Every structure is written in structure tokens, then in C-alpha cells.
Amino acid sequence: MSGGFFEYQEMRLVDLAEPLRCKIALNRQKPDWASDYDINYSENFINEMSEVYDQLIILMAKLHRID
């Protein structure tokens, strides 16, 4: 079975996107009393990560359709 034009390399974008999704979700659900050593990202940074995540998923889907 052929891997298509990209040999399924577009799926690597999901590997990049998944940690972003997890960090976004954890940061948005984090209570105010959480410990200080945990990473707290600013809302602007979370929004930027969300945009990148969306772009990665869209690009993966487009490349997969081409493949």
C-alpha cells in the first residue's frame, strides 16, 4: 500500500498539534489557587497557541486530501 505523495508525513503535524492542545486545555482549566511552579501562560499567548493549533490541523487536513 502506497503512502501517497507525502508518505503520510502530514500526520506529523498532528504530533506537533497535540501537545499544544493539551497545554491550552490545561492552562484554561487551571484554578487560580494552582501552585506557582506550574506554568501559567498569558491569555494572549494561549490565543496565539490556539491559532497555531487550528492552522496545523487545517494544513494536515488539506495535505491529507491532496495525498
PDB file of N, CA and C in Angstrom:
ATOM      1  N   MET A   1       0.844  -1.172   0.000  1.00  0.00           N
ATOM      2  CA  MET A   1       0.000   0.000   0.000  1.00  0.00           C
ATOM      3  C   MET A   1       0.889   1.235   0.000  1.00  0.00           C
ATOM      4  N   SER A   2       0.626   2.124  -0.911  1.00  0.00           N
ATOM      5  CA  SER A   2       1.429   3.329  -1.058  1.00  0.00           C
ATOM      6  C   SER A   2       1.066   4.346   0.014  1.00  0.00           C
ATOM      7  N   GLY A   3       2.041   5.118   0.380  1.00  0.00           N
ATOM      8  CA  GLY A   3       1.829   6.180   1.354  1.00  0.00           C
ATOM      9  C   GLY A   3       1.404   7.478   0.712  1.00  0.00           C
ATOM     10  N   GLY A   4       1.181   7.472  -0.591  1.00  0.00           N
ATOM     11  CA  GLY A   4       0.754   8.678  -1.268  1.00  0.00           C
ATOM     12  C   GLY A   4       1.927   9.610  -1.529  1.00  0.00           C
ATOM     13  N   PHE A   5       1.589  10.787  -1.951  1.00  0.00           N
ATOM     14  CA  PHE A   5       2.596  11.776  -2.341  1.00  0.00           C
ATOM     15  C   PHE A   5       3.505  12.155  -1.171  1.00  0.00           C
ATOM     16  N   PHE A   6       2.946  12.288  -0.014  1.00  0.00           N
ATOM     17  CA  PHE A   6       3.713  12.721   1.165  1.00  0.00           C
ATOM     18  C   PHE A   6       4.131  11.568   2.064  1.00  0.00           C
ATOM     19  N   GLU A   7       3.808  10.348   1.687  1.00  0.00           N
ATOM     20  CA  GLU A   7       4.132   9.175   2.509  1.00  0.00           C
ATOM     21  C   GLU A   7       3.621   9.345   3.938  1.00  0.00           C
ATOM     22  N   TYR A   8       2.441   9.924   4.067  1.00  0.00           N
ATOM     23  CA  TYR A   8       1.763  10.137   5.351  1.00  0.00           C
ATOM     24  C   TYR A   8       2.534  11.059   6.309  1.00  0.00           C
ATOM     25  N   GLN A   9       3.475  11.822   5.783  1.00  0.00           N
ATOM     26  CA  GLN A   9       4.222  12.744   6.637  1.00  0.00           C
ATOM     27  C   GLN A   9       3.342  13.864   7.178  1.00  0.00           C
ATOM     28  N   GLU A  10       2.199  14.116   6.526  1.00  0.00           N
ATOM     29  CA  GLU A  10       1.301  15.154   7.031  1.00  0.00           C
ATOM     30  C   GLU A  10       0.787  14.808   8.425  1.00  0.00           C
ATOM     31  N   MET A  11       0.811  13.534   8.774  1.00  0.00           N
ATOM     32  CA  MET A  11       0.353  13.129  10.102  1.00  0.00           C
ATOM     33  C   MET A  11       1.306  13.604  11.206  1.00  0.00           C
ATOM     34  N   ARG A  12       2.501  13.965  10.841  1.00  0.00           N
ATOM     35  CA  ARG A  12       3.442  14.507  11.827  1.00  0.00           C
ATOM     36  C   ARG A  12       2.954  15.846  12.362  1.00  0.00           C
ATOM     37  N   LEU A  13       2.129  16.539  11.571  1.00  0.00           N
ATOM     38  CA  LEU A  13       1.558  17.801  12.044  1.00  0.00           C
ATOM     39  C   LEU A  13       0.652  17.568  13.243  1.00  0.00           C
ATOM     40  N   VAL A  14      -0.013  16.438  13.274  1.00  0.00           N
ATOM     41  CA  VAL A  14      -0.844  16.091  14.433  1.00  0.00           C
ATOM     42  C   VAL A  14       0.051  15.907  15.658  1.00  0.00           C
ATOM     43  N   ASP A  15       1.223  15.317  15.444  1.00  0.00           N
ATOM     44  CA  ASP A  15       2.173  15.139  16.558  1.00  0.00           C
ATOM     45  C   ASP A  15       2.634  16.483  17.107  1.00  0.00           C
ATOM     46  N   LEU A  16       2.693  17.501  16.260  1.00  0.00           N
ATOM     47  CA  LEU A  16       3.048  18.842  16.720  1.00  0.00           C
ATOM     48  C   LEU A  16       1.864  19.528  17.399  1.00  0.00           C
ATOM     49  N   ALA A  17       0.680  19.282  16.889  1.00  0.00           N
ATOM     50  CA  ALA A  17      -0.509  19.974  17.384  1.00  0.00           C
ATOM     51  C   ALA A  17      -0.994  19.438  18.727  1.00  0.00           C
ATOM     52  N   GLU A  18      -0.845  18.151  18.957  1.00  0.00           N
ATOM     53  CA  GLU A  18      -1.408  17.536  20.164  1.00  0.00           C
ATOM     54  C   GLU A  18      -0.863  18.133  21.469  1.00  0.00           C
ATOM     55  N   PRO A  19       0.458  18.318  21.613  1.00  0.00           N
ATOM     56  CA  PRO A  19       0.938  18.950  22.854  1.00  0.00           C
ATOM     57  C   PRO A  19       0.401  20.370  23.040  1.00  0.00           C
ATOM     58  N   LEU A  20       0.233  21.088  21.942  1.00  0.00           N
ATOM     59  CA  LEU A  20      -0.353  22.433  22.040  1.00  0.00           C
ATOM     60  C   LEU A  20      -1.772  22.345  22.594  1.00  0.00           C
ATOM     61  N   ARG A  21      -2.561  21.414  22.062  1.00  0.00           N
ATOM     62  CA  ARG A  21      -3.939  21.253  22.511  1.00  0.00           C
ATOM     63  C   ARG A  21      -3.987  20.955  24.006  1.00  0.00           C
ATOM     64  N   CYS A  22      -3.095  20.094  24.457  1.00  0.00           N
ATOM     65  CA  CYS A  22      -3.060  19.730  25.879  1.00  0.00           C
ATOM     66  C   CYS A  22      -2.677  20.921  26.754  1.00  0.00           C
ATOM     67  N   LYS A  23      -1.663  21.665  26.352  1.00  0.00           N
ATOM     68  CA  LYS A  23      -1.241  22.831  27.141  1.00  0.00           C
ATOM     69  C   LYS A  23      -2.327  23.899  27.181  1.00  0.00           C
ATOM     70  N   ILE A  24      -3.002  24.094  26.055  1.00  0.00           N
ATOM     71  CA  ILE A  24      -4.097  25.070  26.009  1.00  0.00           C
ATOM     72  C   ILE A  24      -5.203  24.649  26.974  1.00  0.00           C
ATOM     73  N   ALA A  25      -5.600  23.398  26.899  1.00  0.00           N
ATOM     74  CA  ALA A  25      -6.691  22.901  27.749  1.00  0.00           C
ATOM     75  C   ALA A  25      -6.321  22.974  29.226  1.00  0.00           C
ATOM     76  N   LEU A  26      -5.116  22.550  29.572  1.00  0.00           N
ATOM     77  CA  LEU A  26      -4.696  22.578  30.973  1.00  0.00           C
ATOM     78  C   LEU A  26      -4.633  23.999  31.504  1.00  0.00           C
ATOM     79  N   ASN A  27      -4.121  24.912  30.701  1.00  0.00           N
ATOM     80  CA  ASN A  27      -3.992  26.289  31.156  1.00  0.00           C
ATOM     81  C   ASN A  27      -5.349  26.950  31.316  1.00  0.00           C
ATOM     82  N   ARG A  28      -6.278  26.639  30.448  1.00  0.00           N
ATOM     83  CA  ARG A  28      -7.612  27.249  30.543  1.00  0.00           C
ATOM     84  C   ARG A  28      -8.415  26.673  31.701  1.00  0.00           C
ATOM     85  N   GLN A  29      -8.120  25.454  32.118  1.00  0.00           N
ATOM     86  CA  GLN A  29      -8.863  24.819  33.206  1.00  0.00           C
ATOM     87  C   GLN A  29      -8.193  25.018  34.558  1.00  0.00           C
ATOM     88  N   LYS A  30      -7.024  25.598  34.567  1.00  0.00           N
ATOM     89  CA  LYS A  30      -6.249  25.717  35.799  1.00  0.00           C
ATOM     90  C   LYS A  30      -6.933  26.659  36.794  1.00  0.00           C
ATOM     91  N   PRO A  31      -7.157  26.203  38.001  1.00  0.00           N
ATOM     92  CA  PRO A  31      -7.750  27.083  39.017  1.00  0.00           C
ATOM     93  C   PRO A  31      -6.749  28.137  39.482  1.00  0.00           C
ATOM     94  N   ASP A  32      -7.235  29.226  40.005  1.00  0.00           N
ATOM     95  CA  ASP A  32      -6.381  30.329  40.463  1.00  0.00           C
ATOM     96  C   ASP A  32      -5.448  29.904  41.598  1.00  0.00           C
ATOM     97  N   TRP A  33      -5.855  28.908  42.386  1.00  0.00           N
ATOM     98  CA  TRP A  33      -5.058  28.502  43.529  1.00  0.00           C
ATOM     99  C   TRP A  33      -3.955  27.511  43.166  1.00  0.00           C
ATOM    100  N   ALA A  34      -3.779  27.188  41.898  1.00  0.00           N
ATOM    101  CA  ALA A  34      -2.752  26.219  41.485  1.00  0.00           C
ATOM    102  C   ALA A  34      -1.370  26.726  41.880  1.00  0.00           C
ATOM    103  N   SER A  35      -0.468  25.805  42.078  1.00  0.00           N
ATOM    104  CA  SER A  35       0.872  26.159  42.575  1.00  0.00           C
ATOM    105  C   SER A  35       1.622  27.063  41.605  1.00  0.00           C
ATOM    106  N   ASP A  36       2.509  27.866  42.161  1.00  0.00           N
ATOM    107  CA  ASP A  36       3.249  28.851  41.385  1.00  0.00           C
ATOM    108  C   ASP A  36       4.260  28.235  40.429  1.00  0.00           C
ATOM    109  N   TYR A  37       4.746  27.035  40.726  1.00  0.00           N
ATOM    110  CA  TYR A  37       5.761  26.442  39.850  1.00  0.00           C
ATOM    111  C   TYR A  37       5.167  25.891  38.555  1.00  0.00           C
ATOM    112  N   ASP A  38       3.838  25.760  38.494  1.00  0.00           N
ATOM    113  CA  ASP A  38       3.191  25.365  37.245  1.00  0.00           C
ATOM    114  C   ASP A  38       3.231  26.540  36.270  1.00  0.00           C
ATOM    115  N   ILE A  39       3.336  26.223  35.009  1.00  0.00           N
ATOM    116  CA  ILE A  39       3.419  27.280  34.001  1.00  0.00           C
ATOM    117  C   ILE A  39       2.053  27.916  33.810  1.00  0.00           C
ATOM    118  N   ASN A  40       2.018  29.219  33.901  1.00  0.00           N
ATOM    119  CA  ASN A  40       0.822  29.993  33.618  1.00  0.00           C
ATOM    120  C   ASN A  40       1.105  30.868  32.409  1.00  0.00           C
ATOM    121  N   TYR A  41       0.454  30.575  31.310  1.00  0.00           N
ATOM    122  CA  TYR A  41       0.639  31.372  30.115  1.00  0.00           C
ATOM    123  C   TYR A  41      -0.373  32.508  30.112  1.00  0.00           C
ATOM    124  N   SER A  42       0.000  33.627  29.504  1.00  0.00           N
ATOM    125  CA  SER A  42      -0.936  34.745  29.394  1.00  0.00           C
ATOM    126  C   SER A  42      -2.053  34.375  28.431  1.00  0.00           C
ATOM    127  N   GLU A  43      -3.153  35.068  28.543  1.00  0.00           N
ATOM    128  CA  GLU A  43      -4.290  34.808  27.659  1.00  0.00           C
ATOM    129  C   GLU A  43      -3.919  35.076  26.200  1.00  0.00           C
ATOM    130  N   ASN A  44      -3.083  36.087  25.960  1.00  0.00           N
ATOM    131  CA  ASN A  44      -2.633  36.371  24.594  1.00  0.00           C
ATOM    132  C   ASN A  44      -1.825  35.209  24.033  1.00  0.00           C
ATOM    133  N   PHE A  45      -0.955  34.633  24.863  1.00  0.00           N
ATOM    134  CA  PHE A  45      -0.137  33.511  24.413  1.00  0.00           C
ATOM    135  C   PHE A  45      -1.001  32.277  24.163  1.00  0.00           C
ATOM    136  N   ILE A  46      -1.986  32.042  25.013  1.00  0.00           N
ATOM    137  CA  ILE A  46      -2.912  30.924  24.826  1.00  0.00           C
ATOM    138  C   ILE A  46      -3.673  31.107  23.513  1.00  0.00           C
ATOM    139  N   ASN A  47      -4.118  32.321  23.245  1.00  0.00           N
ATOM    140  CA  ASN A  47      -4.827  32.587  21.997  1.00  0.00           C
ATOM    141  C   ASN A  47      -3.927  32.342  20.788  1.00  0.00           C
ATOM    142  N   GLU A  48      -2.680  32.739  20.887  1.00  0.00           N
ATOM    143  CA  GLU A  48      -1.722  32.506  19.802  1.00  0.00           C
ATOM    144  C   GLU A  48      -1.502  30.999  19.593  1.00  0.00           C
ATOM    145  N   MET A  49      -1.350  30.249  20.682  1.00  0.00           N
ATOM    146  CA  MET A  49      -1.192  28.800  20.568  1.00  0.00           C
ATOM    147  C   MET A  49      -2.437  28.173  19.949  1.00  0.00           C
ATOM    148  N   SER A  50      -3.592  28.689  20.286  1.00  0.00           N
ATOM    149  CA  SER A  50      -4.840  28.168  19.719  1.00  0.00           C
ATOM    150  C   SER A  50      -4.885  28.391  18.213  1.00  0.00           C
ATOM    151  N   GLU A  51      -4.449  29.563  17.772  1.00  0.00           N
ATOM    152  CA  GLU A  51      -4.414  29.843  16.337  1.00  0.00           C
ATOM    153  C   GLU A  51      -3.448  28.912  15.611  1.00  0.00           C
ATOM    154  N   VAL A  52      -2.289  28.693  16.196  1.00  0.00           N
ATOM    155  CA  VAL A  52      -1.307  27.792  15.590  1.00  0.00           C
ATOM    156  C   VAL A  52      -1.861  26.373  15.540  1.00  0.00           C
ATOM    157  N   TYR A  53      -2.501  25.942  16.611  1.00  0.00           N
ATOM    158  CA  TYR A  53      -3.099  24.612  16.637  1.00  0.00           C
ATOM    159  C   TYR A  53      -4.118  24.465  15.497  1.00  0.00           C
ATOM    160  N   ASP A  54      -4.999  25.443  15.377  1.00  0.00           N
ATOM    161  CA  ASP A  54      -6.013  25.400  14.314  1.00  0.00           C
ATOM    162  C   ASP A  54      -5.369  25.340  12.932  1.00  0.00           C
ATOM    163  N   GLN A  55      -4.327  26.133  12.728  1.00  0.00           N
ATOM    164  CA  GLN A  55      -3.637  26.156  11.441  1.00  0.00           C
ATOM    165  C   GLN A  55      -2.976  24.816  11.137  1.00  0.00           C
ATOM    166  N   LEU A  56      -2.372  24.203  12.139  1.00  0.00           N
ATOM    167  CA  LEU A  56      -1.749  22.890  11.936  1.00  0.00           C
ATOM    168  C   LEU A  56      -2.771  21.836  11.534  1.00  0.00           C
ATOM    169  N   ILE A  57      -3.914  21.825  12.194  1.00  0.00           N
ATOM    170  CA  ILE A  57      -4.953  20.847  11.889  1.00  0.00           C
ATOM    171  C   ILE A  57      -5.525  21.081  10.489  1.00  0.00           C
ATOM    172  N   ILE A  58      -5.745  22.333  10.134  1.00  0.00           N
ATOM    173  CA  ILE A  58      -6.253  22.650   8.796  1.00  0.00           C
ATOM    174  C   ILE A  58      -5.243  22.240   7.733  1.00  0.00           C
ATOM    175  N   LEU A  59      -3.969  22.550   7.954  1.00  0.00           N
ATOM    176  CA  LEU A  59      -2.936  22.185   7.000  1.00  0.00           C
ATOM    177  C   LEU A  59      -2.832  20.669   6.863  1.00  0.00           C
ATOM    178  N   MET A  60      -2.904  19.955   7.971  1.00  0.00           N
ATOM    179  CA  MET A  60      -2.839  18.496   7.918  1.00  0.00           C
ATOM    180  C   MET A  60      -3.995  17.949   7.073  1.00  0.00           C
ATOM    181  N   ALA A  61      -5.194  18.482   7.292  1.00  0.00           N
ATOM    182  CA  ALA A  61      -6.352  18.001   6.544  1.00  0.00           C
ATOM    183  C   ALA A  61      -6.211  18.293   5.052  1.00  0.00           C
ATOM    184  N   LYS A  62      -5.713  19.468   4.700  1.00  0.00           N
ATOM    185  CA  LYS A  62      -5.525  19.812   3.293  1.00  0.00           C
ATOM    186  C   LYS A  62      -4.469  18.921   2.634  1.00  0.00           C
ATOM    187  N   LEU A  63      -3.366  18.716   3.321  1.00  0.00           N
ATOM    188  CA  LEU A  63      -2.323  17.855   2.777  1.00  0.00           C
ATOM    189  C   LEU A  63      -2.816  16.421   2.634  1.00  0.00           C
ATOM    190  N   HIS A  64      -3.602  15.971   3.589  1.00  0.00           N
ATOM    191  CA  HIS A  64      -4.142  14.614   3.530  1.00  0.00           C
ATOM    192  C   HIS A  64      -5.071  14.448   2.326  1.00  0.00           C
ATOM    193  N   ARG A  65      -5.879  15.466   2.059  1.00  0.00           N
ATOM    194  CA  ARG A  65      -6.762  15.402   0.893  1.00  0.00           C
ATOM    195  C   ARG A  65      -5.961  15.368  -0.394  1.00  0.00           C
ATOM    196  N   ILE A  66      -4.869  16.134  -0.456  1.00  0.00           N
ATOM    197  CA  ILE A  66      -4.005  16.121  -1.648  1.00  0.00           C
ATOM    198  C   ILE A  66      -3.380  14.748  -1.817  1.00  0.00           C
ATOM    199  N   ASP A  67      -2.968  14.175  -0.697  1.00  0.00           N
ATOM    200  CA  ASP A  67      -2.300  12.878  -0.697  1.00  0.00           C
ATOM    201  C   ASP A  67      -3.230  11.830  -1.254  1.00  0.00           C
TER     202      ASP A  67
END
